[in-house]
Every structure is written in structure tokens, then in C-alpha cells.
Protein backbone atom coordinates (compact mmCIF):
# COMPACT_ATOMS: atom_id res chain seq x y z
CA MET A 1 120.04 99.66 37.48
CA GLU A 2 122.43 97.70 39.67
CA LYS A 3 122.12 98.47 43.23
CA ALA A 4 124.60 97.81 46.28
CA LYS A 5 123.53 97.08 49.60
CA SER A 6 124.65 99.10 52.63
CA TYR A 7 126.56 97.55 55.62
CA THR A 8 127.31 98.36 59.15
CA THR A 9 130.83 97.67 60.33
CA TRP A 10 129.57 94.96 62.72
CA ALA A 11 127.71 93.36 59.87
CA VAL A 12 130.70 93.30 57.64
CA THR A 13 132.88 91.74 60.58
CA LEU A 14 130.40 88.98 61.18
CA ARG A 15 130.48 88.23 57.37
CA ILE A 16 134.18 88.16 57.38
CA LEU A 17 134.11 85.70 60.21
CA GLY A 18 131.65 83.55 58.18
CA LEU A 19 134.22 83.24 55.52
CA VAL A 20 136.04 80.69 57.84
CA ARG A 21 132.88 78.65 58.42
CA PRO A 22 134.34 75.74 56.40
CA TYR A 23 137.37 75.63 58.54
CA ARG A 24 135.61 76.18 62.08
CA LYS A 25 137.78 73.49 63.77
CA ILE A 26 141.01 75.33 62.94
CA PHE A 27 139.19 78.60 63.93
CA VAL A 28 138.14 77.31 67.29
CA ALA A 29 141.79 75.90 67.89
CA THR A 30 143.23 79.34 67.14
CA VAL A 31 140.80 80.98 69.56
CA LEU A 32 141.82 78.44 72.18
CA LEU A 33 145.37 79.44 71.55
CA VAL A 34 144.63 83.04 71.97
CA ILE A 35 143.11 82.22 75.47
CA ALA A 36 146.23 80.13 76.36
CA LEU A 37 148.66 82.82 75.39
CA ALA A 38 146.83 85.31 77.39
CA ILE A 39 147.04 82.95 80.44
CA LEU A 40 150.78 82.34 79.87
CA ALA A 41 151.77 85.99 79.49
CA PRO A 42 151.96 87.00 83.22
CA LEU A 43 153.37 83.65 84.16
CA ARG A 44 157.07 84.27 83.41
CA PRO A 45 157.35 87.48 85.36
CA TRP A 46 155.55 85.73 88.37
CA LEU A 47 158.05 82.88 88.04
CA ILE A 48 161.02 85.35 88.09
CA GLN A 49 159.43 87.10 91.08
CA TYR A 50 159.15 83.91 92.83
CA THR A 51 162.69 82.80 92.00
CA VAL A 52 164.30 86.24 93.16
CA ASP A 53 162.39 86.24 96.55
CA GLY A 54 162.72 82.45 97.08
CA PRO A 55 165.66 80.35 95.90
CA ILE A 56 168.06 83.36 95.03
CA ALA A 57 167.44 85.24 98.35
CA ALA A 58 167.89 81.96 100.31
CA PHE A 59 170.86 80.90 98.16
CA ASP A 60 168.83 77.61 97.34
CA ARG A 61 170.99 76.22 94.32
CA GLU A 62 168.64 73.25 93.83
CA GLY A 63 165.65 75.35 94.00
CA LEU A 64 167.01 77.81 91.45
CA LEU A 65 167.81 75.01 88.99
CA LYS A 66 164.19 73.87 89.38
CA MET A 67 162.78 77.17 88.73
CA THR A 68 165.14 77.82 85.70
CA ALA A 69 163.85 74.50 84.27
CA LEU A 70 160.33 75.45 84.73
CA MET A 71 160.72 78.97 83.14
CA ALA A 72 162.41 77.26 80.31
CA ALA A 73 159.54 74.88 79.92
CA VAL A 74 157.10 77.74 79.96
CA LEU A 75 158.96 79.61 77.46
CA ILE A 76 159.15 76.67 75.04
CA LEU A 77 155.41 76.16 75.40
CA GLU A 78 154.63 79.72 74.88
CA SER A 79 156.87 79.70 71.70
CA VAL A 80 155.05 76.70 70.49
CA PHE A 81 151.65 78.11 71.07
CA ARG A 82 152.89 81.39 69.37
CA TYR A 83 154.09 79.64 66.38
CA ALA A 84 150.78 77.72 65.94
CA PHE A 85 148.72 80.73 66.46
CA SER A 86 150.73 82.71 63.87
CA TYR A 87 150.63 79.82 61.29
CA TRP A 88 146.87 79.10 61.80
CA SER A 89 145.55 82.55 61.94
CA THR A 90 147.51 83.24 58.68
CA TRP A 91 146.33 79.95 57.12
CA LEU A 92 142.68 80.97 57.95
CA GLY A 93 143.22 84.31 56.31
CA GLN A 94 144.73 82.81 53.18
CA GLN A 95 141.97 80.14 52.86
CA ALA A 96 139.26 82.76 53.32
CA ILE A 97 140.54 85.10 50.65
CA HIS A 98 141.20 82.01 48.32
CA ASP A 99 137.62 81.13 48.57
CA LEU A 100 136.54 84.77 48.32
CA ARG A 101 138.67 85.55 45.29
CA ASN A 102 137.18 82.52 43.50
CA GLY A 103 133.64 83.62 44.28
CA LEU A 104 134.44 87.24 43.34
CA PHE A 105 135.85 86.33 39.85
CA HIS A 106 132.99 83.91 39.27
CA LYS A 107 130.68 86.77 39.95
CA LEU A 108 132.61 89.07 37.45
CA LEU A 109 132.22 86.31 34.82
CA GLN A 110 128.46 86.49 35.23
CA LYS A 111 128.19 90.37 34.89
CA ARG A 112 126.86 91.64 31.63
CA LEU A 113 128.55 94.20 29.60
CA ARG A 114 126.75 97.37 31.15
CA PHE A 115 128.48 96.74 34.39
CA PHE A 116 132.06 96.78 32.65
CA ASP A 117 131.06 99.81 30.65
CA LYS A 118 130.73 101.87 33.73
CA THR A 119 133.37 100.23 35.99
CA PRO A 120 137.09 100.83 35.46
CA ILE A 121 139.21 97.70 34.92
CA GLY A 122 141.76 99.15 37.31
CA THR A 123 139.15 99.28 39.98
CA LEU A 124 138.03 95.61 39.37
CA THR A 125 141.71 94.61 39.45
CA THR A 126 142.18 96.41 42.77
CA ARG A 127 138.97 94.56 44.19
CA THR A 128 139.98 91.32 43.04
CA VAL A 129 143.66 91.57 44.04
CA SER A 130 144.66 94.14 46.60
CA ASP A 131 141.40 94.54 48.53
CA ILE A 132 141.03 90.80 48.97
CA GLU A 133 144.57 90.64 50.05
CA THR A 134 143.84 93.20 52.75
CA ILE A 135 141.09 91.01 54.16
CA ALA A 136 143.63 88.22 54.97
CA GLU A 137 145.24 90.88 57.68
CA VAL A 138 141.99 90.64 59.53
CA PHE A 139 142.89 87.17 60.51
CA SER A 140 146.66 87.43 60.76
CA GLN A 141 146.98 91.00 62.06
CA GLY A 142 143.49 92.09 63.02
CA LEU A 143 140.56 90.54 64.74
CA LEU A 144 142.27 87.40 66.42
CA THR A 145 145.36 89.32 67.44
CA ILE A 146 143.46 92.18 68.94
CA VAL A 147 141.36 89.79 71.04
CA GLY A 148 144.52 88.03 72.17
CA ASP A 149 146.14 91.33 73.06
CA LEU A 150 143.09 92.49 75.02
CA LEU A 151 143.00 89.13 76.90
CA GLN A 152 146.62 89.52 77.67
CA LEU A 153 146.12 93.08 79.09
CA ILE A 154 143.34 91.82 81.28
CA ALA A 155 145.40 88.85 82.46
CA ILE A 156 148.46 90.96 83.28
CA LEU A 157 146.34 93.87 84.88
CA ALA A 158 144.60 91.18 87.20
CA VAL A 159 148.02 89.78 88.38
CA MET A 160 149.48 93.19 88.82
CA LEU A 161 146.59 94.25 91.03
CA TYR A 162 146.65 91.06 93.01
CA THR A 163 150.40 91.43 93.53
CA ASP A 164 150.50 95.04 94.60
CA TRP A 165 147.70 97.56 93.83
CA ARG A 166 149.91 100.48 94.69
CA LEU A 167 152.54 99.81 92.35
CA THR A 168 150.01 99.04 89.78
CA LEU A 169 148.34 102.55 90.06
CA ILE A 170 151.76 104.20 89.97
CA SER A 171 153.23 102.26 86.98
CA LEU A 172 149.80 102.75 84.96
CA SER A 173 149.29 106.55 85.94
CA VAL A 174 150.49 107.44 82.43
CA LEU A 175 147.95 104.95 80.77
CA PRO A 176 145.45 107.76 80.02
CA LEU A 177 148.12 109.68 78.04
CA LEU A 178 149.13 106.57 76.07
CA VAL A 179 145.34 105.68 75.33
CA TYR A 180 144.74 109.29 74.03
CA SER A 181 147.95 109.05 71.85
CA THR A 182 147.05 105.78 70.56
CA TYR A 183 143.47 106.95 69.53
CA ILE A 184 144.90 110.05 67.73
CA PHE A 185 147.37 107.77 65.93
CA LYS A 186 144.67 105.31 64.89
CA GLU A 187 142.41 108.12 63.43
CA LYS A 188 145.10 109.76 61.62
CA VAL A 189 146.58 106.50 60.11
CA ARG A 190 142.95 105.31 59.28
CA LEU A 191 142.42 108.39 57.16
CA SER A 192 145.94 108.06 55.48
CA PHE A 193 145.22 104.32 54.79
CA GLN A 194 141.93 105.21 52.96
CA GLU A 195 143.71 107.76 50.89
CA VAL A 196 146.35 105.19 50.11
CA ARG A 197 143.73 102.58 48.96
CA ASN A 198 142.07 105.36 46.85
CA GLU A 199 145.33 106.35 45.30
CA VAL A 200 146.30 102.64 44.61
CA ALA A 201 142.99 102.24 42.83
CA ARG A 202 143.61 105.35 40.77
CA LEU A 203 146.94 104.35 39.75
CA ASN A 204 146.00 100.84 38.82
CA ALA A 205 143.08 102.33 36.53
CA PHE A 206 145.58 104.68 34.99
CA VAL A 207 148.18 102.20 34.27
CA GLN A 208 145.69 99.60 33.00
CA GLU A 209 144.02 102.11 30.55
CA HIS A 210 147.21 103.42 29.24
CA ILE A 211 148.93 100.16 28.62
CA THR A 212 145.92 99.09 26.80
CA GLY A 213 145.76 102.14 24.75
CA MET A 214 149.45 102.71 24.17
CA ARG A 215 149.13 102.47 20.52
CA VAL A 216 146.77 105.67 20.46
CA VAL A 217 149.35 107.45 23.02
CA GLN A 218 152.11 106.96 20.43
CA LEU A 219 149.93 107.62 17.31
CA PHE A 220 149.29 111.14 18.73
CA ASN A 221 152.70 111.62 20.29
CA ARG A 222 151.23 111.99 23.55
CA GLU A 223 154.10 110.38 25.46
CA SER A 224 155.39 113.37 27.31
CA GLU A 225 151.82 114.68 28.26
CA GLU A 226 150.90 111.10 29.57
CA LYS A 227 154.22 110.77 31.59
CA ARG A 228 153.37 114.01 33.26
CA ARG A 229 149.81 112.83 34.18
CA PHE A 230 151.49 109.61 35.44
CA VAL A 231 153.88 111.50 37.51
CA GLU A 232 151.06 113.40 39.16
CA VAL A 233 149.14 110.19 39.94
CA ASN A 234 152.17 108.55 41.21
CA THR A 235 153.12 111.59 43.36
CA SER A 236 149.81 111.60 45.05
CA LEU A 237 150.37 107.96 45.99
CA ASN A 238 153.66 108.71 47.33
CA GLN A 239 152.51 111.67 49.36
CA ALA A 240 149.82 109.39 50.85
CA HIS A 241 152.27 106.83 51.87
CA LEU A 242 154.71 109.25 53.26
CA LYS A 243 151.76 110.87 55.42
CA SER A 244 151.16 107.40 57.13
CA VAL A 245 154.98 106.96 57.57
CA MET A 246 155.01 110.35 59.23
CA TYR A 247 152.42 109.36 61.76
CA TYR A 248 154.27 106.07 62.60
CA SER A 249 157.47 108.12 62.93
CA VAL A 250 155.86 110.46 65.68
CA PHE A 251 153.72 107.83 67.50
CA PHE A 252 156.31 105.13 68.28
CA PRO A 253 158.86 107.56 69.96
CA VAL A 254 155.98 108.95 71.94
CA VAL A 255 155.05 105.53 73.27
CA GLU A 256 158.60 104.83 74.12
CA ILE A 257 158.65 108.08 76.18
CA ILE A 258 155.45 107.26 77.88
CA THR A 259 156.78 103.73 78.67
CA ALA A 260 160.02 105.01 80.02
CA ALA A 261 157.95 107.53 82.39
CA SER A 262 156.03 104.62 83.51
CA LEU A 263 159.26 102.65 84.39
CA GLY A 264 160.64 105.66 85.95
CA LEU A 265 157.74 106.13 88.34
CA LEU A 266 157.84 102.32 89.10
CA VAL A 267 161.45 102.27 90.05
CA TRP A 268 161.21 105.59 91.91
CA TYR A 269 158.34 104.39 94.22
CA GLY A 270 159.42 100.74 94.20
CA ALA A 271 162.87 101.46 95.36
CA GLY A 272 161.71 103.63 98.30
CA ALA A 273 159.22 100.99 99.22
CA ALA A 274 161.89 98.24 99.06
CA LEU A 275 164.31 100.33 101.31
CA LYS A 276 161.54 100.36 103.88
CA ASP A 277 160.95 96.52 103.39
CA GLU A 278 157.41 97.19 102.21
CA ILE A 279 158.13 95.58 98.69
CA SER A 280 160.51 92.83 97.74
CA VAL A 281 163.18 93.24 95.08
CA GLY A 282 161.38 90.31 93.16
CA VAL A 283 158.02 92.24 92.96
CA ILE A 284 159.85 95.20 91.41
CA ILE A 285 161.65 93.08 89.00
CA ALA A 286 158.33 91.36 88.09
CA PHE A 287 156.56 94.80 87.76
CA ILE A 288 159.21 96.00 85.23
CA LEU A 289 158.42 92.96 83.14
CA TYR A 290 154.69 93.34 83.68
CA VAL A 291 154.80 97.19 82.55
CA ASN A 292 156.69 96.14 79.42
CA GLN A 293 154.28 93.30 78.65
CA PHE A 294 151.42 95.60 79.16
CA PHE A 295 152.66 98.65 77.17
CA ARG A 296 153.83 96.61 74.17
CA PRO A 297 150.39 95.30 72.87
CA ILE A 298 148.85 98.65 73.57
CA ARG A 299 151.51 100.22 71.27
CA LEU A 300 150.74 97.80 68.62
CA LEU A 301 146.88 97.73 69.07
CA ALA A 302 146.62 100.99 67.14
CA ASP A 303 148.23 99.44 64.10
CA LYS A 304 146.22 96.27 64.50
CA PHE A 305 143.01 98.32 64.72
CA ASN A 306 143.86 99.91 61.60
CA SER A 307 144.73 96.56 59.95
CA LEU A 308 141.23 95.36 61.17
CA GLN A 309 139.53 98.63 59.86
CA MET A 310 141.19 98.49 56.47
CA GLY A 311 140.18 94.96 56.20
CA VAL A 312 136.52 95.88 56.94
CA VAL A 313 136.79 98.76 54.44
CA ALA A 314 138.13 96.44 51.84
CA SER A 315 135.79 93.68 52.64
CA GLU A 316 132.66 96.23 52.27
CA ARG A 317 133.98 97.08 48.78
CA VAL A 318 134.34 93.30 47.82
CA PHE A 319 130.83 92.40 49.44
CA LYS A 320 129.08 95.31 47.75
CA LEU A 321 130.51 93.99 44.41
CA LEU A 322 129.40 90.47 45.26
CA ASP A 323 125.95 91.63 46.28
CA LEU A 324 125.11 93.78 43.31
CA GLU A 325 121.76 93.16 41.95
CA GLU A 326 121.95 92.04 38.33
CA GLU A 327 120.14 94.22 35.86
CA VAL A 328 120.00 91.18 33.58
CA ALA A 329 118.65 88.53 35.75
CA ASP A 330 119.53 84.85 34.94
CA THR A 331 116.21 83.59 35.97
CA GLY A 332 115.21 81.68 32.68
CA THR A 333 114.00 78.14 33.13
CA GLN A 334 112.88 77.25 29.59
CA VAL A 335 114.72 74.42 27.91
CA LEU A 336 115.60 75.04 24.37
CA GLU A 337 116.10 71.73 22.62
CA ASN A 338 116.77 70.79 18.92
CA ALA A 339 117.11 74.80 18.33
CA ARG A 340 116.08 75.68 14.73
CA GLY A 341 117.48 79.34 14.98
CA GLN A 342 114.40 81.49 14.44
CA VAL A 343 115.22 85.02 15.66
CA GLU A 344 112.42 87.52 16.18
CA PHE A 345 112.48 91.02 17.39
CA ASN A 346 108.93 92.50 18.24
CA GLU A 347 108.79 96.30 18.90
CA VAL A 348 111.97 96.28 20.94
CA TRP A 349 113.00 99.40 22.54
CA PHE A 350 116.42 99.71 24.30
CA ALA A 351 118.49 102.29 25.94
CA TYR A 352 121.95 101.77 27.48
CA ASP A 353 121.29 104.30 30.34
CA GLY A 354 117.60 103.39 30.60
CA GLU A 355 116.64 106.70 29.21
CA GLN A 356 118.14 107.66 25.91
CA MET A 357 116.65 105.12 23.48
CA VAL A 358 118.97 103.79 20.86
CA LEU A 359 116.58 101.12 19.59
CA LYS A 360 113.09 102.55 18.82
CA GLY A 361 110.61 99.85 18.13
CA ILE A 362 112.64 97.52 15.98
CA SER A 363 110.79 94.54 14.58
CA PHE A 364 112.09 91.86 12.13
CA THR A 365 112.15 88.04 11.87
CA ALA A 366 115.16 85.93 10.70
CA GLU A 367 113.84 82.48 9.75
CA PRO A 368 115.98 79.40 10.24
CA GLY A 369 119.02 79.14 7.91
CA LYS A 370 118.31 82.71 6.50
CA LYS A 371 120.82 85.61 6.21
CA ILE A 372 119.85 89.04 7.61
CA ALA A 373 122.03 91.99 7.06
CA LEU A 374 121.98 95.33 9.19
CA VAL A 375 123.31 98.23 7.47
CA GLY A 376 123.47 102.07 8.23
CA PRO A 377 125.48 104.82 9.71
CA THR A 378 127.90 104.70 12.64
CA GLY A 379 125.72 105.08 15.81
CA ALA A 380 122.50 104.12 14.16
CA GLY A 381 121.98 101.15 16.54
CA LYS A 382 123.26 98.16 14.69
CA SER A 383 125.55 96.75 17.27
CA SER A 384 122.77 97.42 19.71
CA VAL A 385 120.65 94.88 18.06
CA ILE A 386 123.35 92.29 18.66
CA ASN A 387 123.83 93.35 22.36
CA VAL A 388 120.04 92.82 23.02
CA LEU A 389 120.00 89.44 21.20
CA GLY A 390 122.76 88.07 23.33
CA ARG A 391 121.18 89.72 26.43
CA TYR A 392 124.57 91.49 27.13
CA TYR A 393 122.21 94.36 27.95
CA GLU A 394 118.56 94.31 29.09
CA TYR A 395 115.86 95.93 26.68
CA GLN A 396 113.30 98.10 28.18
CA LYS A 397 110.23 97.33 25.95
CA GLY A 398 109.04 94.77 23.38
CA GLU A 399 110.20 91.26 23.18
CA VAL A 400 113.07 89.18 21.54
CA LEU A 401 112.25 85.48 20.86
CA LEU A 402 114.45 82.54 20.00
CA ASP A 403 112.65 79.78 18.43
CA GLY A 404 109.40 81.30 19.57
CA ILE A 405 110.59 81.42 23.32
CA ALA A 406 111.29 84.85 24.85
CA ILE A 407 114.93 85.00 25.58
CA ARG A 408 114.15 86.28 29.06
CA GLU A 409 112.64 82.79 29.63
CA LEU A 410 115.95 81.11 28.63
CA PRO A 411 118.95 80.73 30.94
CA LEU A 412 121.74 83.03 29.83
CA ALA A 413 124.03 79.84 29.16
CA SER A 414 121.44 78.53 26.81
CA ILE A 415 121.28 81.84 24.87
CA GLN A 416 125.00 81.93 24.54
CA ARG A 417 125.33 78.28 23.47
CA HIS A 418 122.89 78.87 20.55
CA ILE A 419 124.41 82.28 19.54
CA GLY A 420 128.02 82.41 18.06
CA VAL A 421 129.61 85.92 17.60
CA VAL A 422 132.57 86.97 15.35
CA LEU A 423 133.43 90.56 16.11
CA GLN A 424 135.64 92.79 13.92
CA ASP A 425 138.08 93.31 16.81
CA VAL A 426 138.74 89.79 17.83
CA PHE A 427 140.18 89.48 21.47
CA LEU A 428 142.46 86.46 21.96
CA PHE A 429 143.66 85.31 25.30
CA SER A 430 147.43 84.51 26.00
CA GLY A 431 147.96 80.96 25.11
CA THR A 432 147.99 78.90 21.93
CA ILE A 433 145.78 78.78 18.66
CA ALA A 434 144.20 75.66 20.16
CA ASP A 435 143.51 77.28 23.62
CA ASN A 436 141.57 80.29 21.82
CA ILE A 437 139.66 77.97 19.41
CA SER A 438 138.48 75.75 22.27
CA MET A 439 138.30 78.40 24.93
CA PHE A 440 140.54 76.12 27.20
CA ASN A 441 137.91 73.47 26.92
CA SER A 442 139.75 70.33 27.32
CA ALA A 443 136.75 68.24 26.11
CA ILE A 444 137.44 69.61 22.48
CA SER A 445 140.17 67.57 20.83
CA LYS A 446 142.73 69.10 18.45
CA GLU A 447 141.76 66.41 16.09
CA TYR A 448 138.24 67.89 15.91
CA MET A 449 139.60 71.25 15.59
CA LEU A 450 141.53 70.28 12.53
CA GLU A 451 138.66 68.48 11.11
CA MET A 452 136.71 71.77 11.38
CA ALA A 453 139.55 73.70 9.96
CA VAL A 454 139.65 71.41 6.84
CA VAL A 455 135.74 71.71 6.37
CA SER A 456 135.89 75.44 6.59
CA GLY A 457 139.06 75.86 4.60
CA ILE A 458 141.05 77.47 7.53
CA ASP A 459 143.56 74.51 7.40
CA ARG A 460 145.35 76.72 4.72
CA PHE A 461 146.27 79.24 7.51
CA ILE A 462 146.88 76.61 10.23
CA ASN A 463 149.25 74.73 8.08
CA LYS A 464 151.42 77.83 7.67
CA LEU A 465 151.93 78.37 11.18
CA PRO A 466 155.23 77.16 12.69
CA GLN A 467 153.51 74.96 15.51
CA GLY A 468 150.22 74.77 14.03
CA LEU A 469 147.45 74.57 16.65
CA ASP A 470 150.28 74.85 19.34
CA THR A 471 151.54 78.30 18.03
CA PRO A 472 151.39 80.97 20.78
CA VAL A 473 149.14 84.00 20.08
CA GLY A 474 150.78 86.34 22.43
CA GLU A 475 149.02 88.77 24.80
CA ARG A 476 145.59 89.85 23.26
CA GLY A 477 146.71 87.95 20.25
CA GLY A 478 149.56 90.41 19.29
CA LEU A 479 151.64 87.99 17.49
CA LEU A 480 148.88 87.38 14.91
CA SER A 481 147.54 89.79 12.17
CA THR A 482 143.82 91.05 12.12
CA GLY A 483 142.86 88.66 9.51
CA GLN A 484 144.46 85.71 11.32
CA ARG A 485 142.63 86.59 14.54
CA GLN A 486 139.52 86.61 12.71
CA LEU A 487 140.19 83.24 11.13
CA VAL A 488 140.56 81.91 14.69
CA ALA A 489 137.30 83.35 15.72
CA PHE A 490 135.56 81.79 12.56
CA LEU A 491 137.01 78.25 13.51
CA ARG A 492 135.92 78.81 17.09
CA VAL A 493 132.38 79.29 15.91
CA MET A 494 132.66 76.24 13.73
CA VAL A 495 133.90 74.07 16.78
CA TYR A 496 131.22 75.16 18.94
CA ASN A 497 128.50 74.80 16.31
CA PRO A 498 125.90 77.52 17.29
CA THR A 499 122.33 77.65 15.64
CA VAL A 500 122.70 81.45 15.04
CA VAL A 501 125.78 83.22 13.93
CA VAL A 502 126.39 87.05 14.29
CA LEU A 503 129.06 88.65 12.22
CA ASP A 504 130.10 92.23 13.19
CA GLU A 505 131.90 93.47 10.07
CA ALA A 506 134.25 90.43 10.60
CA THR A 507 135.81 90.70 7.04
CA ALA A 508 136.98 94.40 7.38
CA SER A 509 140.51 95.67 7.31
CA ILE A 510 142.39 92.46 6.19
CA ASP A 511 144.64 91.56 3.21
CA SER A 512 143.44 89.91 0.15
CA GLU A 513 144.95 86.48 0.84
CA THR A 514 143.31 86.19 4.28
CA GLU A 515 140.12 87.72 2.96
CA GLU A 516 139.83 84.86 0.38
CA ILE A 517 140.30 82.31 3.13
CA LEU A 518 137.65 84.14 5.12
CA GLN A 519 135.13 84.21 2.49
CA ILE A 520 135.36 80.43 2.09
CA ALA A 521 135.19 79.99 5.88
CA MET A 522 132.36 82.30 6.17
CA LYS A 523 130.25 80.47 3.59
CA LYS A 524 130.97 77.16 5.60
CA VAL A 525 130.16 78.75 9.06
CA LEU A 526 126.93 80.39 7.64
CA GLU A 527 125.77 77.10 5.80
CA ASN A 528 122.34 75.85 7.45
CA ARG A 529 122.62 78.44 10.13
CA THR A 530 120.57 81.66 10.70
CA SER A 531 123.00 84.69 10.33
CA ILE A 532 122.77 88.22 11.27
CA ILE A 533 125.55 90.29 9.64
CA ILE A 534 126.42 93.95 10.50
CA ALA A 535 128.03 95.38 7.54
CA HIS A 536 129.65 98.65 6.65
CA ARG A 537 130.92 97.30 3.20
CA LEU A 538 127.55 96.69 1.35
CA SER A 539 129.15 94.72 -1.25
CA THR A 540 129.56 91.87 1.15
CA VAL A 541 125.98 91.46 1.94
CA THR A 542 124.18 91.80 -1.56
CA ASP A 543 123.18 88.24 -1.35
CA ALA A 544 121.28 88.62 2.05
CA ASP A 545 117.79 87.33 2.28
CA GLU A 546 116.83 90.52 3.79
CA ILE A 547 118.77 93.95 4.32
CA LEU A 548 117.67 96.19 7.28
CA VAL A 549 118.74 99.74 6.97
CA ILE A 550 118.86 101.14 10.53
CA GLU A 551 118.55 105.03 10.87
CA ASP A 552 118.41 106.56 14.28
CA GLY A 553 117.48 103.50 16.11
CA CYS A 554 114.60 102.58 13.71
CA ILE A 555 114.28 100.44 10.43
CA ALA A 556 114.23 102.93 7.74
CA GLU A 557 114.21 100.49 4.76
CA ARG A 558 114.01 96.66 4.51
CA GLY A 559 114.25 94.22 1.51
CA THR A 560 116.72 92.41 -0.75
CA HIS A 561 119.57 94.10 -2.36
CA GLN A 562 117.62 94.58 -5.83
CA GLN A 563 114.50 95.62 -3.89
CA LEU A 564 116.35 98.40 -1.91
CA MET A 565 118.17 99.56 -5.01
CA SER A 566 114.91 100.11 -6.83
CA GLN A 567 113.59 102.37 -4.06
CA ASN A 568 116.01 105.28 -4.64
CA GLY A 569 116.43 105.55 -0.83
CA HIS A 570 119.02 105.52 1.78
CA TYR A 571 120.39 102.20 0.80
CA GLN A 572 120.76 103.05 -2.84
CA ALA A 573 122.70 106.28 -1.97
CA LEU A 574 124.94 104.63 0.54
CA TYR A 575 125.60 101.68 -1.83
CA GLU A 576 126.65 104.03 -4.86
CA LEU A 577 128.85 106.10 -2.62
CA GLN A 578 130.82 103.30 -1.50
CA LEU A 579 130.86 101.89 -5.05
CA ALA A 580 132.37 105.02 -6.26
CA GLN A 581 134.89 105.04 -3.39
CA GLU A 582 136.09 101.66 -4.20
CA LYS A 583 136.63 102.29 -7.90
CA PRO A 584 140.28 103.08 -8.89
CA GLU A 585 141.02 106.58 -10.07
């Protein structure tokens, strides 16, 4: 089974920082800007103090102009540094998530079908989009800004203590109350943000599932019930958001009251000291500015800590997905050249969950160029044979060989290059007919596609389309009929020219005209190729070189159509039943 590693918060934080390793020069420059801004923070209040107690008190117009020019220069420098810091920190975050999203999607492309069976699509969408977007805030609103704010607090506190330690203690006497309030706020918002993230993932999964299955919803007249269920999910998300809004609505007024109390104590004590000539007016003015500068980052630190924490939580989810140990390991090193297409199953046992076996000792050999048919009731294990052959799932016992080489010894890409599959329910991507035939491979020319279309007889279908190969197919191929989508799939197989072709009831549920084209195309596709056909309509596989009747994960009967009909067994009973159903009344 796939297993995920566990992480500590510190380990996740270090790994997040590791994302910017390719951009270390910009990262170092951003850190230097953080330090520079922390040094500049207490400079302006100190210059104002010096100006009030110096040139203004002495009515020195020239000195006042010089100090004003100096303060303007410091303000401009600080603005430039703050702009550069804001841009570079956000740029780092965007570059990091750009690389991470590319890596995550590449990882998803390598996942086998078992993973997607048990992982909701909405959850994967949340990981790939929302969670990764949250990680960007670790740089723009999280770690770097927190470090900058802490350095600024240290610098301001040092200057305040150096200027007047008594005023510092008086003005910061309410600090414990602020720290306690900030801690409570941080914990409450952290929990509410986690709840929001969970509800977002739940909503994404619900919407994805229901849009995909909208036809079923409408067929069974479930619109009202599904609307009610959506309202419940959406209301849960709304309540989670409102809970976090409530915490913000309470916290910021509390901070304002505490800040006002600090300024009141400062003015009360400072004014009395100034009347006694113990403190200058410039010091009081500077301390008012210091207090505002000191309390502002503390007020925002809780929010930034939560941004950092949410980024760490999102990162842990993404990293766990990246680090999942693959059940189907792509460790094959054998090279399969000049493939002949021999497929052999040797006592293969397979279970989707690792315990409940759906294939029980399956053994057969498909010689190069031969046609093997798999028939039997639904759930007998026919499609499982295909899943094992393509290594979409890992089998537990036995061996599967391609040209005498165990498929576990072959790279996954090599297996998929030599095996072409046409499913009954063909999935097409948004784009054109040509895009879906070539699978967006620019190396495959339209001329070659048309050549293969002529060879397979599918050109009759292509020529009827308004824009030929450039005809859009719509989302999931919705602008084409079932049969037309299957024709595209057959032409795709022709273009990629695999050695082994697998057809999963690829001629079912289509109109007679399209079926005629499909039958011609199928003969061309299967010509000189090993083919394995899963068939529910037995009349389509009477010419197979061998027919395997699958019952409860085992091969109950095998032979040609004539041999099986003479055995008076499962196959004969199933064939005669279908024949009777197909006869007109």
C-alpha cells in the first residue's frame, strides 16, 4: 500500500525554504532588505526627536530645513526598500509554487489507477491549486515578514530603552495583555482556518463529482435533493468563514484599546515629567511614534503567524502527496526492442485491496498476431486482466510477461508504448480531433494522421466533419457521439502503432453506420498485432483464435468458438441466450 511520511513543523518549514534554493541570490537580497528595514524603523522617530529638541527649540530655520531634507531622504529610502522587499518576497513565493505545482502534477501523472480510485478528484484539485497557492503566503505574508517584524521590534525596543527606560516600562506595561490576546486570537484563527480548508476541500469534491455525474442526477430526478445537500456543504463553509471573521472583529478593537491605553499612560507620565524638565518634548513625541511602531507589527504578527501556519499545513499535505511511496514501482531496466507482442499470464493472482482476490491463478498465452477474447459475466475479472497487463495495478502473485520479459522488469513507459487500449467509454480532452489523436504530440503530423485514417477507413468519418481534424471535440468529447469518440480512439491506436492492442467492448452502444466504419477500422488496427478483446457481445469474437470464459476470477473454459459451443458449458449457454435476445420478435 502507498504510505506517506510524517513531518515535524520545523522539517516542513526547512523544506519550504528549500524551494527557493534555485533563487538563493534573490532570497539573500530579500533577507538583507529585512535587516535594513528593521534598522531604518526607529530612525525617523529619532530624527523627529532630534529636530524638536534641536532646531525647532532653538528656532534654527537652516537646521530645520536640513533635518526635514534628511527625514525625507530616509522616508524615500525606506519606501524603496519596502517596495523591493514586497516585490521580491512575493516573487520568491510565486516561483516556488510554480516549480512545486509542476512537480506535483508530474507526480500525479505517474500515479497508478489505485491511487485515483481512493483519492477524490476534488481533494487532488485542492492540493494542486488552493493548497499550493497558500504556500506562496509563507514568503509574502509569513516567514520573511515575521522575521522582519521581530527584528523591527528588537530595534525599536533597544532605541526606546536607550532613550528613556522609564518611559519604555510605562508605555509597554500593557504588553503582557496584548501578547496574551494575540496568542488567544492566533489559536482561534488557526483552528477556524483549518476548518475552512477542510470545508473547501469537501466543497470542491462535491462540485467536481456532481458536475461529472450531472446526467445521472437528472436521469433520476435528484436535482432538489442534490441542491439541498449542496446548500448544507456550502453553509458549513460559510459558517467556518464567519467564525474566523468574528475572531478578527473582536481582536482588532481589543488591540486598539490596548494601544490607546499604552499611549494614555505614556502621555500621563511623560507630561508630568516634562513639566519637571525631566523629559524633553521631543522624547515624548518620539515615544508616541515608537509605541505605534511597536504595537502595529504585534497586532499583525498573529495574522502572519497564522498565514505561516496555514502555509506549513498546506505544505505538509502537498509534501505527503509528493512523497507517497508508489505501490507500482517504476524500477524496470530491461529494454524491449523489436517487440513481437507475445503476452503471457502465468498463475496470476490479483486483488485491488490486496486481500479480496479478483483474479485467481489466471494463466494463458497470446502468441504474436493472435486474437484472444475474454468473455464472462460482469464482475468476473475481465477488466482486471487488462489492468494488470498495463501495470495500472500491481498483482500479488504469479507473473505477467511481454515477449518473455516480466513486465516488472520493464519501464512503465515501455509497457505503455507497446500496448494500445481502446475503452468502451472513450475520454477525450478539450481540443480538436487532431489534438486527441496525437495526444498533443507535435511530432505527429496531420498528414500522417490522415494517412492512417485512409488506411483504417476512418477517413469517411473525418471527411464529414466541418473542420476535419481541426474540429473541436468539446469538454470530455461532448460534441461527438459515442461511436465517433471510439473512432478517434481507434485512429489514435493506429497512429501510435503499438504491438499489443486491447479492446474493452469498443464497439458497443453505437449506430449501425458508425459500427460499419468501426468494424473496418478494427480489422486494420488488429492486423498483424496481438489483440486481447473484452467482449459482452459474443457475436463479435467468434473468429478469435482463443476465447477465455472468466468466472469468479478463474478461467472456466477456453477454446475456439466451435470448441466451446460443442462443450455445452457456460459459453454455449451465454451465446444462445444473447442470440435469442438479438432475434427480432
